[in-house]
Amino acid sequence: LPLAKRRRCDRDWRPCIDADDLQIARRLYPGLSYIAGHDVKPYGGLGTSEPDIRFFTFLRDPAARYVSQYLNRARVYTREAFDAWVSSRWTHNWQTKKIAGVPEADRAIAIIRQRVEFIGLTERFDESLVLLGQWLADPGFKDEYRRVNQLKEKRRPRDVERERTDTSYLDTDHARQRIAEANAEDQKLYDYVVTQC
C-alpha cells in the first residue's frame, strides 16, 4: 500500500490498492503477474478498472480469527481488557469489512458472487493451497510453504505479558457469546462460503 494511504492506526480496514497504485507497481515491476495482501480488496475498484483481474481470498473461522487477532494485537490480556476489546466496534466483523468495505454479510456475499473466483479456508489450508494452484493454472506456482509469524514465536513485551496472564476466560460461555455477537456478519459470510462455494 502506498505510504500516503497508510494510517498510523491499525484499526482502519478501508485503505486499498486501486488502479493508480497498480499502474505504478506495473511500471516498477514490468513482469508483474500477481499482487496480494490485506489491502487488495474486491470492493476497491480494481475489478472495474482492470477487467482481467481475478480475485481470490482466504477466510478463517470467525471466532478463531477474532481470538487470534485479540491475542496478537491487544496490549493487556485481563478479562476487563477483553471486555473492552470486544466492545470496540472496530474489532467486529473484520473479514466482512475486508471484502465489502462495510460490516454487511449480504454485501460481502454479493461481491463474492460477482468478483471473487476462488475462496480458500484457513482451517483447510493445505487443501486450499493445492486447489488455489489448480485455479491459478500457473506452472510456476508452488504449493509449498513454511509457517512464519506465528503468535507462539513472537517475543514482544506484550507477548511475554500474555504468556504470564491467565486467558482461560476466553473459553467461557460469556466470552464465546460476546465473540459470536461481535462477528455475526462474519459468521453469516463464513457459513455461506462453507456451504455454497
N, C-alpha and C. Protein backbone atom coordinates (compact mmCIF):
# COMPACT_ATOMS: atom_id res chain seq x y z
N LEU A 1 0.85 -1.18 0.00
CA LEU A 1 0.00 0.00 0.00
C LEU A 1 0.89 1.23 0.00
N PRO A 2 0.63 2.18 -0.88
CA PRO A 2 1.46 3.39 -0.89
C PRO A 2 1.49 4.06 0.48
N LEU A 3 2.63 4.62 0.80
CA LEU A 3 2.80 5.23 2.13
C LEU A 3 1.76 6.30 2.40
N ALA A 4 1.38 7.06 1.39
CA ALA A 4 0.42 8.14 1.59
C ALA A 4 -0.94 7.62 2.05
N LYS A 5 -1.25 6.37 1.75
CA LYS A 5 -2.54 5.80 2.13
C LYS A 5 -2.51 5.10 3.48
N ARG A 6 -1.34 4.83 3.95
CA ARG A 6 -1.24 4.09 5.20
C ARG A 6 -1.64 4.97 6.37
N ARG A 7 -2.26 4.37 7.32
CA ARG A 7 -2.68 5.07 8.53
C ARG A 7 -1.80 4.58 9.68
N ARG A 8 -1.60 5.42 10.62
CA ARG A 8 -0.86 5.01 11.81
C ARG A 8 -1.70 4.08 12.68
N CYS A 9 -2.97 4.04 12.44
CA CYS A 9 -3.88 3.23 13.25
C CYS A 9 -4.19 1.93 12.53
N ASP A 10 -3.97 0.80 13.19
CA ASP A 10 -4.25 -0.50 12.56
C ASP A 10 -5.73 -0.85 12.62
N ARG A 11 -6.55 0.08 13.04
CA ARG A 11 -7.99 -0.16 13.15
C ARG A 11 -8.73 0.15 11.86
N ASP A 12 -8.06 0.74 10.89
CA ASP A 12 -8.72 1.16 9.66
C ASP A 12 -8.54 0.11 8.58
N TRP A 13 -9.62 -0.52 8.17
CA TRP A 13 -9.57 -1.58 7.17
C TRP A 13 -9.79 -1.03 5.76
N ARG A 14 -10.10 0.25 5.62
CA ARG A 14 -10.56 0.80 4.35
C ARG A 14 -9.50 1.05 3.29
N PRO A 15 -8.29 1.48 3.61
CA PRO A 15 -7.35 1.75 2.52
C PRO A 15 -7.14 0.51 1.65
N CYS A 16 -7.13 0.73 0.35
CA CYS A 16 -6.93 -0.41 -0.54
C CYS A 16 -6.18 0.00 -1.79
N ILE A 17 -5.62 -1.00 -2.43
CA ILE A 17 -4.91 -0.80 -3.69
C ILE A 17 -5.94 -0.43 -4.75
N ASP A 18 -5.68 0.62 -5.50
CA ASP A 18 -6.59 0.99 -6.58
C ASP A 18 -5.85 0.93 -7.92
N ALA A 19 -6.52 1.31 -8.98
CA ALA A 19 -5.96 1.20 -10.32
C ALA A 19 -4.67 2.02 -10.47
N ASP A 20 -4.62 3.20 -9.87
CA ASP A 20 -3.42 4.03 -9.96
C ASP A 20 -2.23 3.35 -9.27
N ASP A 21 -2.50 2.75 -8.12
CA ASP A 21 -1.44 2.04 -7.40
C ASP A 21 -0.91 0.88 -8.24
N LEU A 22 -1.83 0.18 -8.89
CA LEU A 22 -1.43 -0.97 -9.71
C LEU A 22 -0.60 -0.51 -10.92
N GLN A 23 -0.96 0.62 -11.53
CA GLN A 23 -0.18 1.13 -12.66
C GLN A 23 1.24 1.46 -12.22
N ILE A 24 1.39 2.05 -11.05
CA ILE A 24 2.72 2.36 -10.53
C ILE A 24 3.51 1.07 -10.32
N ALA A 25 2.87 0.08 -9.73
CA ALA A 25 3.54 -1.20 -9.49
C ALA A 25 3.97 -1.85 -10.80
N ARG A 26 3.13 -1.75 -11.82
CA ARG A 26 3.48 -2.34 -13.12
C ARG A 26 4.67 -1.63 -13.76
N ARG A 27 4.78 -0.32 -13.55
CA ARG A 27 5.95 0.40 -14.08
C ARG A 27 7.21 -0.04 -13.35
N LEU A 28 7.09 -0.25 -12.04
CA LEU A 28 8.25 -0.67 -11.25
C LEU A 28 8.62 -2.13 -11.50
N TYR A 29 7.61 -2.95 -11.76
CA TYR A 29 7.80 -4.39 -11.97
C TYR A 29 7.14 -4.79 -13.29
N PRO A 30 7.83 -4.61 -14.41
CA PRO A 30 7.20 -4.86 -15.71
C PRO A 30 6.67 -6.29 -15.90
N GLY A 31 7.23 -7.26 -15.24
CA GLY A 31 6.78 -8.65 -15.38
C GLY A 31 5.72 -9.04 -14.34
N LEU A 32 5.12 -8.08 -13.71
CA LEU A 32 4.17 -8.35 -12.63
C LEU A 32 3.00 -9.20 -13.12
N SER A 33 2.78 -10.31 -12.42
CA SER A 33 1.66 -11.19 -12.74
C SER A 33 0.61 -11.21 -11.65
N TYR A 34 1.05 -11.06 -10.39
CA TYR A 34 0.16 -11.19 -9.25
C TYR A 34 0.42 -10.07 -8.26
N ILE A 35 -0.62 -9.67 -7.57
CA ILE A 35 -0.48 -8.83 -6.39
C ILE A 35 -1.31 -9.50 -5.30
N ALA A 36 -0.90 -9.32 -4.07
CA ALA A 36 -1.63 -9.95 -2.97
C ALA A 36 -1.41 -9.14 -1.71
N GLY A 37 -2.22 -9.40 -0.73
CA GLY A 37 -2.07 -8.76 0.56
C GLY A 37 -3.40 -8.28 1.11
N HIS A 38 -3.35 -7.83 2.34
CA HIS A 38 -4.56 -7.41 3.03
C HIS A 38 -5.23 -6.19 2.38
N ASP A 39 -4.48 -5.43 1.60
CA ASP A 39 -5.03 -4.21 1.03
C ASP A 39 -5.48 -4.36 -0.43
N VAL A 40 -5.45 -5.57 -0.96
CA VAL A 40 -6.03 -5.85 -2.27
C VAL A 40 -7.45 -6.32 -2.00
N LYS A 41 -8.42 -5.46 -2.31
CA LYS A 41 -9.80 -5.72 -1.89
C LYS A 41 -10.73 -5.66 -3.10
N PRO A 42 -11.67 -6.59 -3.16
CA PRO A 42 -12.55 -6.63 -4.33
C PRO A 42 -13.51 -5.46 -4.43
N TYR A 43 -13.71 -4.71 -3.36
CA TYR A 43 -14.59 -3.54 -3.44
C TYR A 43 -13.84 -2.28 -3.83
N GLY A 44 -12.53 -2.36 -4.00
CA GLY A 44 -11.70 -1.19 -4.19
C GLY A 44 -11.62 -0.63 -5.60
N GLY A 45 -12.34 -1.16 -6.55
CA GLY A 45 -12.34 -0.60 -7.89
C GLY A 45 -11.41 -1.28 -8.87
N LEU A 46 -10.56 -2.18 -8.41
CA LEU A 46 -9.66 -2.87 -9.34
C LEU A 46 -10.43 -3.70 -10.35
N GLY A 47 -11.53 -4.30 -9.94
CA GLY A 47 -12.30 -5.15 -10.84
C GLY A 47 -12.90 -4.40 -12.00
N THR A 48 -13.24 -3.13 -11.81
CA THR A 48 -13.82 -2.35 -12.89
C THR A 48 -12.75 -1.71 -13.77
N SER A 49 -11.64 -1.29 -13.16
CA SER A 49 -10.59 -0.64 -13.94
C SER A 49 -9.65 -1.65 -14.59
N GLU A 50 -9.63 -2.86 -14.08
CA GLU A 50 -8.76 -3.92 -14.60
C GLU A 50 -9.64 -5.13 -14.92
N PRO A 51 -10.23 -5.18 -16.10
CA PRO A 51 -11.21 -6.23 -16.38
C PRO A 51 -10.66 -7.66 -16.33
N ASP A 52 -9.36 -7.84 -16.48
CA ASP A 52 -8.79 -9.19 -16.46
C ASP A 52 -8.36 -9.64 -15.06
N ILE A 53 -8.49 -8.77 -14.09
CA ILE A 53 -8.04 -9.14 -12.75
C ILE A 53 -8.95 -10.22 -12.18
N ARG A 54 -8.33 -11.15 -11.47
CA ARG A 54 -9.06 -12.26 -10.85
C ARG A 54 -8.78 -12.22 -9.35
N PHE A 55 -9.82 -12.20 -8.55
CA PHE A 55 -9.68 -12.12 -7.10
C PHE A 55 -9.80 -13.49 -6.46
N PHE A 56 -8.99 -13.69 -5.41
CA PHE A 56 -9.16 -14.85 -4.54
C PHE A 56 -8.96 -14.38 -3.12
N THR A 57 -9.45 -15.15 -2.19
CA THR A 57 -9.29 -14.81 -0.78
C THR A 57 -9.28 -16.07 0.06
N PHE A 58 -8.84 -15.92 1.29
CA PHE A 58 -8.92 -16.98 2.29
C PHE A 58 -9.75 -16.45 3.45
N LEU A 59 -10.62 -17.28 3.97
CA LEU A 59 -11.40 -16.94 5.16
C LEU A 59 -11.00 -17.86 6.29
N ARG A 60 -11.27 -17.40 7.49
CA ARG A 60 -10.97 -18.19 8.69
C ARG A 60 -12.22 -18.23 9.56
N ASP A 61 -12.38 -19.31 10.30
CA ASP A 61 -13.49 -19.38 11.23
C ASP A 61 -13.52 -18.08 12.03
N PRO A 62 -14.65 -17.37 12.04
CA PRO A 62 -14.69 -16.04 12.66
C PRO A 62 -14.28 -15.99 14.13
N ALA A 63 -14.73 -16.95 14.92
CA ALA A 63 -14.37 -16.93 16.35
C ALA A 63 -12.87 -17.16 16.53
N ALA A 64 -12.30 -18.12 15.81
CA ALA A 64 -10.86 -18.39 15.91
C ALA A 64 -10.05 -17.20 15.43
N ARG A 65 -10.49 -16.58 14.34
CA ARG A 65 -9.78 -15.41 13.82
C ARG A 65 -9.83 -14.26 14.82
N TYR A 66 -10.99 -14.07 15.44
CA TYR A 66 -11.17 -12.98 16.39
C TYR A 66 -10.27 -13.15 17.61
N VAL A 67 -10.24 -14.34 18.17
CA VAL A 67 -9.39 -14.60 19.33
C VAL A 67 -7.93 -14.41 18.95
N SER A 68 -7.55 -14.87 17.77
CA SER A 68 -6.18 -14.71 17.31
C SER A 68 -5.80 -13.23 17.19
N GLN A 69 -6.70 -12.43 16.63
CA GLN A 69 -6.42 -11.00 16.50
C GLN A 69 -6.29 -10.36 17.88
N TYR A 70 -7.18 -10.72 18.78
CA TYR A 70 -7.11 -10.19 20.14
C TYR A 70 -5.77 -10.55 20.79
N LEU A 71 -5.40 -11.81 20.71
CA LEU A 71 -4.15 -12.24 21.35
C LEU A 71 -2.93 -11.62 20.69
N ASN A 72 -3.01 -11.29 19.43
CA ASN A 72 -1.89 -10.71 18.71
C ASN A 72 -1.82 -9.19 18.85
N ARG A 73 -2.97 -8.52 18.95
CA ARG A 73 -2.99 -7.06 18.89
C ARG A 73 -3.24 -6.35 20.22
N ALA A 74 -3.91 -7.00 21.14
CA ALA A 74 -4.20 -6.32 22.41
C ALA A 74 -2.91 -6.03 23.15
N ARG A 75 -2.97 -5.10 24.06
CA ARG A 75 -1.80 -4.73 24.87
C ARG A 75 -1.88 -5.33 26.27
N VAL A 76 -3.11 -5.61 26.71
CA VAL A 76 -3.36 -6.17 28.03
C VAL A 76 -4.33 -7.32 27.85
N TYR A 77 -4.21 -8.35 28.68
CA TYR A 77 -4.98 -9.58 28.45
C TYR A 77 -5.85 -9.99 29.63
N THR A 78 -6.27 -9.04 30.42
CA THR A 78 -7.16 -9.34 31.53
C THR A 78 -8.58 -9.52 31.00
N ARG A 79 -9.45 -10.05 31.84
CA ARG A 79 -10.85 -10.21 31.48
C ARG A 79 -11.46 -8.83 31.16
N GLU A 80 -11.10 -7.83 31.92
CA GLU A 80 -11.62 -6.48 31.69
C GLU A 80 -11.12 -5.92 30.35
N ALA A 81 -9.87 -6.21 30.05
CA ALA A 81 -9.32 -5.75 28.76
C ALA A 81 -10.04 -6.43 27.60
N PHE A 82 -10.35 -7.71 27.76
CA PHE A 82 -11.10 -8.41 26.72
C PHE A 82 -12.49 -7.80 26.56
N ASP A 83 -13.16 -7.51 27.66
CA ASP A 83 -14.49 -6.90 27.57
C ASP A 83 -14.43 -5.55 26.84
N ALA A 84 -13.38 -4.79 27.09
CA ALA A 84 -13.21 -3.51 26.37
C ALA A 84 -12.95 -3.77 24.89
N TRP A 85 -12.10 -4.76 24.60
CA TRP A 85 -11.78 -5.10 23.21
C TRP A 85 -13.03 -5.51 22.45
N VAL A 86 -13.79 -6.43 23.01
CA VAL A 86 -14.96 -6.96 22.32
C VAL A 86 -16.07 -5.92 22.23
N SER A 87 -16.02 -4.90 23.05
CA SER A 87 -17.00 -3.81 22.99
C SER A 87 -16.63 -2.77 21.93
N SER A 88 -15.41 -2.82 21.45
CA SER A 88 -14.93 -1.85 20.44
C SER A 88 -15.40 -2.28 19.06
N ARG A 89 -16.24 -1.47 18.45
CA ARG A 89 -16.86 -1.84 17.18
C ARG A 89 -15.83 -2.04 16.05
N TRP A 90 -14.68 -1.40 16.15
CA TRP A 90 -13.69 -1.57 15.07
C TRP A 90 -13.19 -3.00 14.98
N THR A 91 -13.33 -3.78 16.06
CA THR A 91 -12.87 -5.17 16.04
C THR A 91 -13.90 -6.12 15.45
N HIS A 92 -15.10 -5.65 15.21
CA HIS A 92 -16.20 -6.52 14.79
C HIS A 92 -16.20 -6.81 13.29
N ASN A 93 -16.56 -8.02 12.92
CA ASN A 93 -16.81 -8.42 11.52
C ASN A 93 -15.69 -8.00 10.58
N TRP A 94 -14.48 -8.29 10.96
CA TRP A 94 -13.28 -7.86 10.23
C TRP A 94 -13.25 -8.41 8.80
N GLN A 95 -13.55 -9.69 8.61
CA GLN A 95 -13.46 -10.30 7.28
C GLN A 95 -14.51 -9.71 6.34
N THR A 96 -15.71 -9.50 6.84
CA THR A 96 -16.76 -8.91 6.01
C THR A 96 -16.37 -7.51 5.57
N LYS A 97 -15.79 -6.73 6.49
CA LYS A 97 -15.35 -5.38 6.14
C LYS A 97 -14.22 -5.42 5.11
N LYS A 98 -13.34 -6.40 5.22
CA LYS A 98 -12.23 -6.50 4.26
C LYS A 98 -12.74 -6.82 2.85
N ILE A 99 -13.82 -7.56 2.75
CA ILE A 99 -14.35 -7.93 1.44
C ILE A 99 -15.30 -6.88 0.90
N ALA A 100 -16.16 -6.32 1.76
CA ALA A 100 -17.21 -5.42 1.28
C ALA A 100 -16.98 -3.95 1.62
N GLY A 101 -16.07 -3.68 2.54
CA GLY A 101 -15.86 -2.29 2.95
C GLY A 101 -16.80 -1.85 4.05
N VAL A 102 -17.78 -2.67 4.35
CA VAL A 102 -18.75 -2.40 5.40
C VAL A 102 -19.05 -3.72 6.11
N PRO A 103 -19.53 -3.67 7.35
CA PRO A 103 -19.80 -4.91 8.08
C PRO A 103 -21.17 -5.51 7.73
N GLU A 104 -21.35 -5.83 6.45
CA GLU A 104 -22.62 -6.37 5.98
C GLU A 104 -22.37 -7.64 5.19
N ALA A 105 -22.76 -8.78 5.77
CA ALA A 105 -22.51 -10.07 5.12
C ALA A 105 -23.19 -10.17 3.76
N ASP A 106 -24.40 -9.68 3.64
CA ASP A 106 -25.11 -9.78 2.35
C ASP A 106 -24.35 -9.05 1.25
N ARG A 107 -23.78 -7.91 1.59
CA ARG A 107 -22.99 -7.16 0.60
C ARG A 107 -21.71 -7.93 0.25
N ALA A 108 -21.06 -8.50 1.26
CA ALA A 108 -19.85 -9.28 1.02
C ALA A 108 -20.17 -10.51 0.17
N ILE A 109 -21.28 -11.16 0.43
CA ILE A 109 -21.69 -12.33 -0.36
C ILE A 109 -21.94 -11.92 -1.81
N ALA A 110 -22.58 -10.80 -2.03
CA ALA A 110 -22.82 -10.32 -3.39
C ALA A 110 -21.49 -10.05 -4.11
N ILE A 111 -20.54 -9.46 -3.41
CA ILE A 111 -19.22 -9.19 -4.01
C ILE A 111 -18.52 -10.50 -4.33
N ILE A 112 -18.61 -11.47 -3.43
CA ILE A 112 -18.00 -12.78 -3.69
C ILE A 112 -18.62 -13.40 -4.93
N ARG A 113 -19.91 -13.36 -5.04
CA ARG A 113 -20.58 -13.94 -6.22
C ARG A 113 -20.15 -13.27 -7.51
N GLN A 114 -19.94 -11.95 -7.46
CA GLN A 114 -19.61 -11.19 -8.66
C GLN A 114 -18.12 -11.19 -9.00
N ARG A 115 -17.26 -11.15 -7.98
CA ARG A 115 -15.85 -10.84 -8.26
C ARG A 115 -14.83 -11.84 -7.75
N VAL A 116 -15.14 -12.61 -6.73
CA VAL A 116 -14.13 -13.48 -6.12
C VAL A 116 -14.29 -14.88 -6.68
N GLU A 117 -13.29 -15.31 -7.41
CA GLU A 117 -13.38 -16.59 -8.13
C GLU A 117 -12.92 -17.79 -7.31
N PHE A 118 -12.08 -17.55 -6.31
CA PHE A 118 -11.59 -18.66 -5.50
C PHE A 118 -11.56 -18.24 -4.04
N ILE A 119 -12.04 -19.13 -3.16
CA ILE A 119 -12.01 -18.88 -1.72
C ILE A 119 -11.43 -20.10 -1.03
N GLY A 120 -10.35 -19.88 -0.31
CA GLY A 120 -9.76 -20.94 0.50
C GLY A 120 -10.16 -20.77 1.96
N LEU A 121 -9.96 -21.81 2.72
CA LEU A 121 -10.27 -21.77 4.15
C LEU A 121 -9.00 -22.03 4.95
N THR A 122 -8.75 -21.21 5.91
CA THR A 122 -7.57 -21.38 6.75
C THR A 122 -7.58 -22.73 7.45
N GLU A 123 -8.76 -23.17 7.87
CA GLU A 123 -8.87 -24.45 8.56
C GLU A 123 -8.56 -25.63 7.65
N ARG A 124 -8.60 -25.39 6.36
CA ARG A 124 -8.26 -26.44 5.39
C ARG A 124 -7.17 -25.88 4.45
N PHE A 125 -6.14 -25.33 5.08
CA PHE A 125 -5.15 -24.58 4.33
C PHE A 125 -4.40 -25.41 3.29
N ASP A 126 -3.92 -26.58 3.67
CA ASP A 126 -3.16 -27.40 2.73
C ASP A 126 -3.99 -27.72 1.49
N GLU A 127 -5.20 -28.18 1.71
CA GLU A 127 -6.10 -28.50 0.60
C GLU A 127 -6.42 -27.24 -0.22
N SER A 128 -6.68 -26.14 0.47
CA SER A 128 -7.00 -24.89 -0.23
C SER A 128 -5.84 -24.41 -1.09
N LEU A 129 -4.62 -24.60 -0.59
CA LEU A 129 -3.44 -24.17 -1.35
C LEU A 129 -3.28 -25.00 -2.62
N VAL A 130 -3.52 -26.28 -2.54
CA VAL A 130 -3.46 -27.13 -3.74
C VAL A 130 -4.54 -26.69 -4.74
N LEU A 131 -5.75 -26.45 -4.24
CA LEU A 131 -6.84 -26.00 -5.12
C LEU A 131 -6.56 -24.63 -5.71
N LEU A 132 -5.92 -23.76 -4.94
CA LEU A 132 -5.53 -22.45 -5.46
C LEU A 132 -4.57 -22.61 -6.63
N GLY A 133 -3.60 -23.50 -6.49
CA GLY A 133 -2.67 -23.75 -7.59
C GLY A 133 -3.37 -24.24 -8.84
N GLN A 134 -4.35 -25.12 -8.67
CA GLN A 134 -5.12 -25.60 -9.82
C GLN A 134 -5.90 -24.47 -10.45
N TRP A 135 -6.50 -23.63 -9.61
CA TRP A 135 -7.28 -22.50 -10.13
C TRP A 135 -6.39 -21.51 -10.88
N LEU A 136 -5.21 -21.23 -10.34
CA LEU A 136 -4.29 -20.31 -10.99
C LEU A 136 -3.77 -20.85 -12.32
N ALA A 137 -3.61 -22.16 -12.39
CA ALA A 137 -3.10 -22.82 -13.60
C ALA A 137 -1.78 -22.21 -14.05
N ASP A 138 -0.94 -21.88 -13.09
CA ASP A 138 0.37 -21.30 -13.36
C ASP A 138 1.41 -22.36 -13.04
N PRO A 139 2.16 -22.82 -14.04
CA PRO A 139 3.15 -23.88 -13.78
C PRO A 139 4.23 -23.46 -12.79
N GLY A 140 4.42 -22.18 -12.58
CA GLY A 140 5.42 -21.70 -11.63
C GLY A 140 4.93 -21.65 -10.20
N PHE A 141 3.64 -21.85 -10.00
CA PHE A 141 3.09 -21.79 -8.64
C PHE A 141 3.50 -23.03 -7.86
N LYS A 142 3.99 -22.84 -6.65
CA LYS A 142 4.36 -23.96 -5.79
C LYS A 142 3.50 -23.89 -4.54
N ASP A 143 2.89 -25.00 -4.21
CA ASP A 143 2.01 -25.03 -3.04
C ASP A 143 2.78 -25.39 -1.77
N GLU A 144 4.04 -25.01 -1.75
CA GLU A 144 4.88 -25.25 -0.59
C GLU A 144 4.88 -23.99 0.28
N TYR A 145 5.02 -24.17 1.56
CA TYR A 145 5.08 -23.02 2.45
C TYR A 145 5.77 -23.42 3.75
N ARG A 146 6.16 -22.43 4.48
CA ARG A 146 6.66 -22.66 5.83
C ARG A 146 5.95 -21.67 6.73
N ARG A 147 5.64 -22.11 7.92
CA ARG A 147 4.90 -21.27 8.85
C ARG A 147 5.82 -20.16 9.36
N VAL A 148 5.32 -18.94 9.29
CA VAL A 148 6.05 -17.78 9.80
C VAL A 148 5.06 -16.90 10.56
N ASN A 149 5.59 -16.03 11.36
CA ASN A 149 4.78 -15.02 12.05
C ASN A 149 3.72 -15.65 12.96
N GLN A 150 4.04 -16.77 13.56
CA GLN A 150 3.10 -17.41 14.46
C GLN A 150 3.16 -16.76 15.83
N LEU A 151 2.02 -16.67 16.46
CA LEU A 151 1.91 -16.00 17.74
C LEU A 151 2.85 -16.62 18.78
N LYS A 152 2.93 -17.93 18.79
CA LYS A 152 3.75 -18.60 19.81
C LYS A 152 5.24 -18.31 19.65
N GLU A 153 5.65 -17.81 18.49
CA GLU A 153 7.06 -17.50 18.26
C GLU A 153 7.41 -16.04 18.57
N LYS A 154 6.40 -15.21 18.75
CA LYS A 154 6.63 -13.78 18.97
C LYS A 154 7.11 -13.54 20.39
N ARG A 155 8.00 -12.57 20.55
CA ARG A 155 8.56 -12.26 21.86
C ARG A 155 8.52 -10.76 22.16
N ARG A 156 7.51 -10.08 21.67
CA ARG A 156 7.35 -8.67 22.01
C ARG A 156 7.00 -8.60 23.51
N PRO A 157 7.17 -7.45 24.14
CA PRO A 157 6.81 -7.35 25.56
C PRO A 157 5.37 -7.78 25.84
N ARG A 158 4.45 -7.45 24.96
CA ARG A 158 3.05 -7.86 25.20
C ARG A 158 2.87 -9.37 25.07
N ASP A 159 3.72 -10.03 24.27
CA ASP A 159 3.65 -11.49 24.16
C ASP A 159 4.10 -12.15 25.46
N VAL A 160 5.14 -11.59 26.05
CA VAL A 160 5.62 -12.10 27.33
C VAL A 160 4.54 -11.89 28.38
N GLU A 161 3.91 -10.72 28.37
CA GLU A 161 2.82 -10.44 29.31
C GLU A 161 1.65 -11.40 29.10
N ARG A 162 1.32 -11.65 27.86
CA ARG A 162 0.21 -12.57 27.56
C ARG A 162 0.49 -13.96 28.10
N GLU A 163 1.72 -14.41 27.94
CA GLU A 163 2.08 -15.75 28.42
C GLU A 163 2.00 -15.85 29.94
N ARG A 164 2.14 -14.73 30.63
CA ARG A 164 2.05 -14.72 32.09
C ARG A 164 0.61 -14.59 32.59
N THR A 165 -0.30 -14.25 31.70
CA THR A 165 -1.68 -13.95 32.09
C THR A 165 -2.58 -15.16 31.85
N ASP A 166 -3.50 -15.37 32.75
CA ASP A 166 -4.49 -16.44 32.61
C ASP A 166 -5.57 -15.95 31.63
N THR A 167 -5.60 -16.54 30.45
CA THR A 167 -6.60 -16.16 29.45
C THR A 167 -7.69 -17.23 29.32
N SER A 168 -7.84 -18.04 30.35
CA SER A 168 -8.86 -19.09 30.29
C SER A 168 -10.27 -18.52 30.18
N TYR A 169 -10.45 -17.26 30.52
CA TYR A 169 -11.76 -16.62 30.38
C TYR A 169 -12.24 -16.64 28.93
N LEU A 170 -11.32 -16.78 27.98
CA LEU A 170 -11.71 -16.83 26.57
C LEU A 170 -12.50 -18.10 26.25
N ASP A 171 -12.40 -19.10 27.11
CA ASP A 171 -13.13 -20.36 26.91
C ASP A 171 -14.44 -20.41 27.68
N THR A 172 -14.90 -19.30 28.19
CA THR A 172 -16.16 -19.28 28.94
C THR A 172 -17.33 -19.02 28.00
N ASP A 173 -18.52 -19.39 28.44
CA ASP A 173 -19.73 -19.12 27.65
C ASP A 173 -19.90 -17.63 27.42
N HIS A 174 -19.59 -16.83 28.44
CA HIS A 174 -19.70 -15.37 28.30
C HIS A 174 -18.84 -14.85 27.15
N ALA A 175 -17.58 -15.26 27.13
CA ALA A 175 -16.66 -14.80 26.07
C ALA A 175 -17.11 -15.31 24.71
N ARG A 176 -17.48 -16.58 24.64
CA ARG A 176 -17.93 -17.13 23.35
C ARG A 176 -19.16 -16.38 22.82
N GLN A 177 -20.07 -16.04 23.71
CA GLN A 177 -21.26 -15.29 23.29
C GLN A 177 -20.89 -13.90 22.79
N ARG A 178 -20.01 -13.23 23.50
CA ARG A 178 -19.58 -11.88 23.08
C ARG A 178 -18.86 -11.94 21.73
N ILE A 179 -18.03 -12.95 21.55
CA ILE A 179 -17.31 -13.11 20.28
C ILE A 179 -18.29 -13.39 19.15
N ALA A 180 -19.27 -14.24 19.40
CA ALA A 180 -20.29 -14.54 18.38
C ALA A 180 -21.07 -13.28 18.00
N GLU A 181 -21.44 -12.49 18.98
CA GLU A 181 -22.18 -11.24 18.71
C GLU A 181 -21.32 -10.28 17.90
N ALA A 182 -20.04 -10.18 18.22
CA ALA A 182 -19.14 -9.25 17.53
C ALA A 182 -18.83 -9.69 16.11
N ASN A 183 -19.11 -10.95 15.80
CA ASN A 183 -18.76 -11.49 14.48
C ASN A 183 -19.95 -12.14 13.78
N ALA A 184 -21.14 -11.67 14.07
CA ALA A 184 -22.34 -12.27 13.49
C ALA A 184 -22.34 -12.17 11.96
N GLU A 185 -21.93 -11.05 11.42
CA GLU A 185 -21.89 -10.88 9.97
C GLU A 185 -20.78 -11.74 9.36
N ASP A 186 -19.64 -11.80 10.02
CA ASP A 186 -18.57 -12.68 9.56
C ASP A 186 -19.02 -14.14 9.56
N GLN A 187 -19.76 -14.53 10.59
CA GLN A 187 -20.23 -15.92 10.66
C GLN A 187 -21.20 -16.22 9.53
N LYS A 188 -22.06 -15.27 9.23
CA LYS A 188 -23.00 -15.45 8.12
C LYS A 188 -22.24 -15.60 6.80
N LEU A 189 -21.24 -14.79 6.60
CA LEU A 189 -20.40 -14.88 5.40
C LEU A 189 -19.67 -16.22 5.35
N TYR A 190 -19.06 -16.60 6.45
CA TYR A 190 -18.30 -17.85 6.52
C TYR A 190 -19.22 -19.05 6.25
N ASP A 191 -20.39 -19.06 6.87
CA ASP A 191 -21.33 -20.16 6.66
C ASP A 191 -21.75 -20.24 5.20
N TYR A 192 -21.94 -19.10 4.56
CA TYR A 192 -22.30 -19.08 3.14
C TYR A 192 -21.18 -19.73 2.32
N VAL A 193 -19.96 -19.31 2.58
CA VAL A 193 -18.82 -19.83 1.81
C VAL A 193 -18.67 -21.34 2.01
N VAL A 194 -18.76 -21.79 3.24
CA VAL A 194 -18.59 -23.21 3.54
C VAL A 194 -19.67 -24.06 2.87
N THR A 195 -20.89 -23.55 2.83
CA THR A 195 -21.99 -24.36 2.30
C THR A 195 -22.26 -24.15 0.82
N GLN A 196 -21.89 -22.99 0.27
CA GLN A 196 -22.30 -22.67 -1.11
C GLN A 196 -21.13 -22.58 -2.10
N CYS A 197 -19.93 -22.42 -1.64
CA CYS A 197 -18.82 -22.21 -2.59
C CYS A 197 -17.96 -23.46 -2.73
